[in-house]
Amino acid sequence: MIDTLERIRTGAVAPAARDDAHGRFREGEAVGFVEEEIVAWGNPRETLRGVLEQLADNAELITCLRGADVPLDDETVQALAAGEVEFELSNGGQQSYWWLLSAE
């Protein structure tokens, strides 16, 4: 189990709580993370796509938890994840993040 946990990478997409000090995004725009690093921002579709692409690298499975009030329907999210990596989408109901993701 420890070996598996060491291989898991996490990601998330959330609405920005405030404007970025570096001017990359504004409050309410999508911000995408892989681990603790901001890797994508802007509109929700392209931001989620960027996070999924990075997580898919060397992964077999991506698990996605849908939050409350997501700006994209499940069909769109499934289409963005289409590829060689297995993708599982479930309702997480979290308030602060549109999508929480893990890749293994």
C-alpha atoms as a PDB file:
ATOM      1  CA  MET A   1       0.000   0.000   0.000  1.00  0.00           C
ATOM      2  CA  ILE A   2       2.858   2.397   0.762  1.00  0.00           C
ATOM      3  CA  ASP A   3       4.287   1.845  -2.737  1.00  0.00           C
ATOM      4  CA  THR A   4       0.906   2.703  -4.267  1.00  0.00           C
ATOM      5  CA  LEU A   5       0.524   5.844  -2.148  1.00  0.00           C
ATOM      6  CA  GLU A   6       3.958   7.058  -3.245  1.00  0.00           C
ATOM      7  CA  ARG A   7       2.877   6.841  -6.910  1.00  0.00           C
ATOM      8  CA  ILE A   8      -0.390   8.752  -6.496  1.00  0.00           C
ATOM      9  CA  ARG A   9      -0.433  12.340  -7.729  1.00  0.00           C
ATOM     10  CA  THR A  10      -3.227  14.771  -6.975  1.00  0.00           C
ATOM     11  CA  GLY A  11      -4.832  17.631  -8.818  1.00  0.00           C
ATOM     12  CA  ALA A  12      -7.687  20.073  -8.469  1.00  0.00           C
ATOM     13  CA  VAL A  13      -9.595  22.786 -10.285  1.00  0.00           C
ATOM     14  CA  ALA A  14     -11.258  25.553  -8.297  1.00  0.00           C
ATOM     15  CA  PRO A  15     -12.552  29.062  -8.811  1.00  0.00           C
ATOM     16  CA  ALA A  16      -9.929  31.638  -7.826  1.00  0.00           C
ATOM     17  CA  ALA A  17     -10.748  33.233  -4.483  1.00  0.00           C
ATOM     18  CA  ARG A  18      -8.969  36.467  -5.483  1.00  0.00           C
ATOM     19  CA  ASP A  19      -7.028  38.059  -8.340  1.00  0.00           C
ATOM     20  CA  ASP A  20      -3.540  36.625  -8.846  1.00  0.00           C
ATOM     21  CA  ALA A  21      -0.743  38.977  -7.802  1.00  0.00           C
ATOM     22  CA  HIS A  22       1.124  38.038 -11.023  1.00  0.00           C
ATOM     23  CA  GLY A  23      -1.871  38.832 -13.241  1.00  0.00           C
ATOM     24  CA  ARG A  24      -2.430  35.251 -14.465  1.00  0.00           C
ATOM     25  CA  PHE A  25      -6.086  35.022 -13.411  1.00  0.00           C
ATOM     26  CA  ARG A  26      -8.873  36.992 -11.788  1.00  0.00           C
ATOM     27  CA  GLU A  27     -11.255  36.154  -8.967  1.00  0.00           C
ATOM     28  CA  GLY A  28     -13.790  33.522 -10.068  1.00  0.00           C
ATOM     29  CA  GLU A  29     -11.737  32.205 -13.008  1.00  0.00           C
ATOM     30  CA  ALA A  30     -10.626  28.578 -12.966  1.00  0.00           C
ATOM     31  CA  VAL A  31      -7.275  27.699 -11.398  1.00  0.00           C
ATOM     32  CA  GLY A  32      -5.787  24.225 -11.880  1.00  0.00           C
ATOM     33  CA  PHE A  33      -3.283  22.524  -9.609  1.00  0.00           C
ATOM     34  CA  VAL A  34      -1.127  19.424  -9.843  1.00  0.00           C
ATOM     35  CA  GLU A  35       0.122  18.668  -6.357  1.00  0.00           C
ATOM     36  CA  GLU A  36       0.760  22.164  -4.910  1.00  0.00           C
ATOM     37  CA  GLU A  37       1.716  23.857  -8.197  1.00  0.00           C
ATOM     38  CA  ILE A  38      -0.603  26.032 -10.281  1.00  0.00           C
ATOM     39  CA  VAL A  39      -0.399  24.549 -13.777  1.00  0.00           C
ATOM     40  CA  ALA A  40      -3.376  26.030 -15.652  1.00  0.00           C
ATOM     41  CA  TRP A  41      -5.853  28.887 -15.376  1.00  0.00           C
ATOM     42  CA  GLY A  42      -8.562  30.672 -17.307  1.00  0.00           C
ATOM     43  CA  ASN A  43     -11.821  29.096 -18.426  1.00  0.00           C
ATOM     44  CA  PRO A  44     -12.925  25.906 -16.636  1.00  0.00           C
ATOM     45  CA  ARG A  45     -12.823  23.636 -19.712  1.00  0.00           C
ATOM     46  CA  GLU A  46      -9.253  24.428 -20.746  1.00  0.00           C
ATOM     47  CA  THR A  47      -8.041  24.510 -17.157  1.00  0.00           C
ATOM     48  CA  LEU A  48      -9.463  21.061 -16.426  1.00  0.00           C
ATOM     49  CA  ARG A  49      -8.006  19.790 -19.714  1.00  0.00           C
ATOM     50  CA  GLY A  50      -4.547  21.042 -18.688  1.00  0.00           C
ATOM     51  CA  VAL A  51      -4.711  19.356 -15.293  1.00  0.00           C
ATOM     52  CA  LEU A  52      -5.983  16.079 -16.792  1.00  0.00           C
ATOM     53  CA  GLU A  53      -3.200  16.039 -19.390  1.00  0.00           C
ATOM     54  CA  GLN A  54      -0.530  16.474 -16.740  1.00  0.00           C
ATOM     55  CA  LEU A  55      -2.038  13.862 -14.437  1.00  0.00           C
ATOM     56  CA  ALA A  56      -2.447  11.349 -17.284  1.00  0.00           C
ATOM     57  CA  ASP A  57       1.302  11.233 -17.888  1.00  0.00           C
ATOM     58  CA  ASN A  58       2.447   7.777 -16.664  1.00  0.00           C
ATOM     59  CA  ALA A  59      -0.932   7.066 -15.043  1.00  0.00           C
ATOM     60  CA  GLU A  60      -3.291   4.125 -15.504  1.00  0.00           C
ATOM     61  CA  LEU A  61      -6.307   5.580 -13.666  1.00  0.00           C
ATOM     62  CA  ILE A  62      -7.593   9.065 -12.885  1.00  0.00           C
ATOM     63  CA  THR A  63     -10.314   9.399 -10.260  1.00  0.00           C
ATOM     64  CA  CYS A  64     -12.319  12.628 -10.265  1.00  0.00           C
ATOM     65  CA  LEU A  65     -14.673  13.899  -7.571  1.00  0.00           C
ATOM     66  CA  ARG A  66     -17.193  16.447  -8.818  1.00  0.00           C
ATOM     67  CA  GLY A  67     -17.905  19.323  -6.466  1.00  0.00           C
ATOM     68  CA  ALA A  68     -21.031  21.378  -5.956  1.00  0.00           C
ATOM     69  CA  ASP A  69     -21.984  23.897  -8.650  1.00  0.00           C
ATOM     70  CA  VAL A  70     -19.476  22.724 -11.278  1.00  0.00           C
ATOM     71  CA  PRO A  71     -19.466  24.799 -14.476  1.00  0.00           C
ATOM     72  CA  LEU A  72     -19.233  21.780 -16.844  1.00  0.00           C
ATOM     73  CA  ASP A  73     -21.571  18.819 -17.221  1.00  0.00           C
ATOM     74  CA  ASP A  74     -20.344  15.266 -16.674  1.00  0.00           C
ATOM     75  CA  GLU A  75     -20.465  14.457 -20.399  1.00  0.00           C
ATOM     76  CA  THR A  76     -18.033  17.297 -21.156  1.00  0.00           C
ATOM     77  CA  VAL A  77     -15.718  16.207 -18.341  1.00  0.00           C
ATOM     78  CA  GLN A  78     -15.750  12.601 -19.605  1.00  0.00           C
ATOM     79  CA  ALA A  79     -14.903  13.828 -23.131  1.00  0.00           C
ATOM     80  CA  LEU A  80     -11.968  15.886 -21.818  1.00  0.00           C
ATOM     81  CA  ALA A  81     -10.616  12.788 -20.075  1.00  0.00           C
ATOM     82  CA  ALA A  82     -10.941  10.537 -23.139  1.00  0.00           C
ATOM     83  CA  GLY A  83      -7.672   8.813 -23.905  1.00  0.00           C
ATOM     84  CA  GLU A  84      -5.634   5.828 -22.867  1.00  0.00           C
ATOM     85  CA  VAL A  85      -6.074   6.397 -19.129  1.00  0.00           C
ATOM     86  CA  GLU A  86      -9.074   4.894 -17.331  1.00  0.00           C
ATOM     87  CA  PHE A  87     -11.272   7.644 -15.878  1.00  0.00           C
ATOM     88  CA  GLU A  88     -13.752   7.437 -13.004  1.00  0.00           C
ATOM     89  CA  LEU A  89     -16.062  10.339 -12.173  1.00  0.00           C
ATOM     90  CA  SER A  90     -18.093  10.478  -8.953  1.00  0.00           C
ATOM     91  CA  ASN A  91     -19.990  13.076  -6.971  1.00  0.00           C
ATOM     92  CA  GLY A  92     -17.926  14.417  -4.085  1.00  0.00           C
ATOM     93  CA  GLY A  93     -20.131  17.406  -3.297  1.00  0.00           C
ATOM     94  CA  GLN A  94     -17.217  19.517  -2.027  1.00  0.00           C
ATOM     95  CA  GLN A  95     -17.891  23.258  -1.882  1.00  0.00           C
ATOM     96  CA  SER A  96     -14.507  24.885  -2.544  1.00  0.00           C
ATOM     97  CA  TYR A  97     -13.237  22.820  -5.469  1.00  0.00           C
ATOM     98  CA  TRP A  98     -15.026  22.114  -8.744  1.00  0.00           C
ATOM     99  CA  TRP A  99     -13.012  18.907  -9.250  1.00  0.00           C
ATOM    100  CA  LEU A 100     -10.607  16.959  -7.033  1.00  0.00           C
ATOM    101  CA  LEU A 101      -8.468  14.434  -8.899  1.00  0.00           C
ATOM    102  CA  SER A 102      -6.011  11.661  -8.192  1.00  0.00           C
ATOM    103  CA  ALA A 103      -3.866   9.721 -10.626  1.00  0.00           C
ATOM    104  CA  GLU A 104      -2.247   6.368 -10.056  1.00  0.00           C
END
